[in-house]
C-alpha atoms as a PDB file:
ATOM      1  CA  UNK A   1     -45.291 -22.547   4.774  1.00  0.00           C
ATOM      2  CA  UNK A   2     -42.171 -25.025   5.530  1.00  0.00           C
ATOM      3  CA  UNK A   3     -40.735 -23.969   1.627  1.00  0.00           C
ATOM      4  CA  UNK A   4     -41.396 -20.340   2.793  1.00  0.00           C
ATOM      5  CA  UNK A   5     -39.396 -20.200   6.136  1.00  0.00           C
ATOM      6  CA  UNK A   6     -36.264 -23.349   3.840  1.00  0.00           C
ATOM      7  CA  UNK A   7     -36.187 -19.756   1.618  1.00  0.00           C
ATOM      8  CA  UNK A   8     -35.383 -17.319   4.136  1.00  0.00           C
ATOM      9  CA  UNK A   9     -32.268 -19.169   5.606  1.00  0.00           C
ATOM     10  CA  UNK A  10     -31.019 -18.953   1.949  1.00  0.00           C
ATOM     11  CA  UNK A  11     -31.908 -15.798   1.576  1.00  0.00           C
ATOM     12  CA  UNK A  12     -29.780 -14.979   5.040  1.00  0.00           C
ATOM     13  CA  UNK A  13     -27.066 -17.107   3.796  1.00  0.00           C
ATOM     14  CA  UNK A  14     -26.978 -15.717   0.596  1.00  0.00           C
ATOM     15  CA  UNK A  15     -26.595 -11.559   2.293  1.00  0.00           C
ATOM     16  CA  UNK A  16     -23.807 -13.321   4.696  1.00  0.00           C
ATOM     17  CA  UNK A  17     -22.321 -13.857   1.492  1.00  0.00           C
ATOM     18  CA  UNK A  18     -22.108 -11.173   0.071  1.00  0.00           C
ATOM     19  CA  UNK A  19     -21.520  -9.595   3.007  1.00  0.00           C
ATOM     20  CA  UNK A  20     -17.939 -11.429   3.111  1.00  0.00           C
ATOM     21  CA  UNK A  21     -17.286 -10.974  -0.304  1.00  0.00           C
ATOM     22  CA  UNK A  22     -18.219  -7.027   0.225  1.00  0.00           C
ATOM     23  CA  UNK A  23     -15.680  -6.705   3.078  1.00  0.00           C
ATOM     24  CA  UNK A  24     -12.842  -8.938   1.572  1.00  0.00           C
ATOM     25  CA  UNK A  25     -13.106  -6.687  -1.425  1.00  0.00           C
ATOM     26  CA  UNK A  26     -12.437  -3.139   0.179  1.00  0.00           C
ATOM     27  CA  UNK A  27      -9.933  -4.841   2.034  1.00  0.00           C
ATOM     28  CA  UNK A  28      -8.343  -5.998  -0.828  1.00  0.00           C
ATOM     29  CA  UNK A  29      -8.530  -2.128  -1.851  1.00  0.00           C
ATOM     30  CA  UNK A  30      -7.569  -0.705   0.564  1.00  0.00           C
ATOM     31  CA  UNK A  31      -4.143  -2.907   0.287  1.00  0.00           C
ATOM     32  CA  UNK A  32      -3.722  -2.520  -3.640  1.00  0.00           C
ATOM     33  CA  UNK A  33      -3.987   1.465  -2.483  1.00  0.00           C
ATOM     34  CA  UNK A  34      -1.123   1.269  -0.213  1.00  0.00           C
ATOM     35  CA  UNK A  35       1.120  -0.324  -1.935  1.00  0.00           C
ATOM     36  CA  UNK A  36       0.239   2.003  -5.288  1.00  0.00           C
ATOM     37  CA  UNK A  37       0.858   5.084  -2.913  1.00  0.00           C
ATOM     38  CA  UNK A  38       4.401   3.448  -2.174  1.00  0.00           C
ATOM     39  CA  UNK A  39       5.101   3.005  -5.861  1.00  0.00           C
ATOM     40  CA  UNK A  40       4.239   6.705  -6.946  1.00  0.00           C
ATOM     41  CA  UNK A  41       6.496   8.135  -3.621  1.00  0.00           C
ATOM     42  CA  UNK A  42       9.556   5.940  -5.275  1.00  0.00           C
ATOM     43  CA  UNK A  43       8.523   6.616  -8.536  1.00  0.00           C
ATOM     44  CA  UNK A  44       8.540  10.324  -7.628  1.00  0.00           C
ATOM     45  CA  UNK A  45      11.768   9.860  -5.201  1.00  0.00           C
ATOM     46  CA  UNK A  46      13.618   7.524  -6.631  1.00  0.00           C
ATOM     47  CA  UNK A  47      16.818  10.153  -6.447  1.00  0.00           C
ATOM     48  CA  UNK A  48      16.669   8.843  -2.707  1.00  0.00           C
ATOM     49  CA  UNK A  49      16.989   5.168  -3.628  1.00  0.00           C
ATOM     50  CA  UNK A  50      19.876   5.824  -6.873  1.00  0.00           C
ATOM     51  CA  UNK A  51      17.064   5.189  -9.377  1.00  0.00           C
ATOM     52  CA  UNK A  52      16.779   7.625 -12.419  1.00  0.00           C
ATOM     53  CA  UNK A  53      14.469  10.243 -11.098  1.00  0.00           C
ATOM     54  CA  UNK A  54      12.318  12.510 -13.483  1.00  0.00           C
ATOM     55  CA  UNK A  55      13.185  15.971 -12.628  1.00  0.00           C
ATOM     56  CA  UNK A  56      13.467  17.498  -9.814  1.00  0.00           C
ATOM     57  CA  UNK A  57      11.006  20.525 -10.142  1.00  0.00           C
ATOM     58  CA  UNK A  58       8.236  17.484 -10.123  1.00  0.00           C
ATOM     59  CA  UNK A  59       8.995  16.504  -6.848  1.00  0.00           C
ATOM     60  CA  UNK A  60       9.394  19.675  -5.910  1.00  0.00           C
ATOM     61  CA  UNK A  61       5.608  20.507  -6.807  1.00  0.00           C
ATOM     62  CA  UNK A  62       4.220  17.529  -4.983  1.00  0.00           C
ATOM     63  CA  UNK A  63       6.313  17.729  -2.326  1.00  0.00           C
ATOM     64  CA  UNK A  64       3.482  19.566  -0.167  1.00  0.00           C
ATOM     65  CA  UNK A  65       1.148  16.602  -1.150  1.00  0.00           C
ATOM     66  CA  UNK A  66       3.197  13.502  -0.290  1.00  0.00           C
ATOM     67  CA  UNK A  67       4.563  14.735   3.328  1.00  0.00           C
ATOM     68  CA  UNK A  68       2.965  11.746   4.216  1.00  0.00           C
ATOM     69  CA  UNK A  69       4.263   8.862   2.353  1.00  0.00           C
ATOM     70  CA  UNK A  70       7.548  10.592   2.543  1.00  0.00           C
ATOM     71  CA  UNK A  71       7.740  10.106   6.299  1.00  0.00           C
ATOM     72  CA  UNK A  72       6.332   6.722   6.198  1.00  0.00           C
ATOM     73  CA  UNK A  73       9.477   6.538   3.655  1.00  0.00           C
ATOM     74  CA  UNK A  74      12.179   7.179   5.845  1.00  0.00           C
ATOM     75  CA  UNK A  75      10.735   5.361   8.907  1.00  0.00           C
ATOM     76  CA  UNK A  76      10.401   2.888   6.832  1.00  0.00           C
ATOM     77  CA  UNK A  77      14.266   2.863   5.604  1.00  0.00           C
ATOM     78  CA  UNK A  78      14.826   3.950   9.146  1.00  0.00           C
ATOM     79  CA  UNK A  79      13.789   0.692  10.558  1.00  0.00           C
ATOM     80  CA  UNK A  80      15.652  -1.870   7.932  1.00  0.00           C
ATOM     81  CA  UNK A  81      18.229  -4.162   9.788  1.00  0.00           C
ATOM     82  CA  UNK A  82      19.258  -5.512   6.222  1.00  0.00           C
ATOM     83  CA  UNK A  83      22.808  -7.368   6.999  1.00  0.00           C
ATOM     84  CA  UNK A  84      23.628  -6.576   3.427  1.00  0.00           C
ATOM     85  CA  UNK A  85      23.320  -2.789   3.424  1.00  0.00           C
ATOM     86  CA  UNK A  86      24.935  -3.000   6.434  1.00  0.00           C
ATOM     87  CA  UNK A  87      28.773  -4.327   4.597  1.00  0.00           C
ATOM     88  CA  UNK A  88      27.090  -2.185   1.852  1.00  0.00           C
ATOM     89  CA  UNK A  89      27.719   0.883   4.634  1.00  0.00           C
ATOM     90  CA  UNK A  90      30.810  -0.661   5.947  1.00  0.00           C
ATOM     91  CA  UNK A  91      32.053  -0.373   2.434  1.00  0.00           C
ATOM     92  CA  UNK A  92      30.811   2.764   0.934  1.00  0.00           C
ATOM     93  CA  UNK A  93      29.190   0.973  -1.761  1.00  0.00           C
END
């Protein structure tokens, strides 16, 4: 009888570990997806930051599907408080 209780506690502990690992894995995958969306948006609309970009037709055809990422990029770029970017703006670099 006592070994059965010990075994039940052990199984309960394993279920708790399993639940914690699953939650952490989902959080990690969501963060990775967010970063990949940003990278993809930068690749498609890289002409906004002066990098070589794919043909404009590709960017224009993907624009309706990337409305959310595009608005996030613009919001992030307007909130930057980088001292180097202020100096570069003043020097017209």
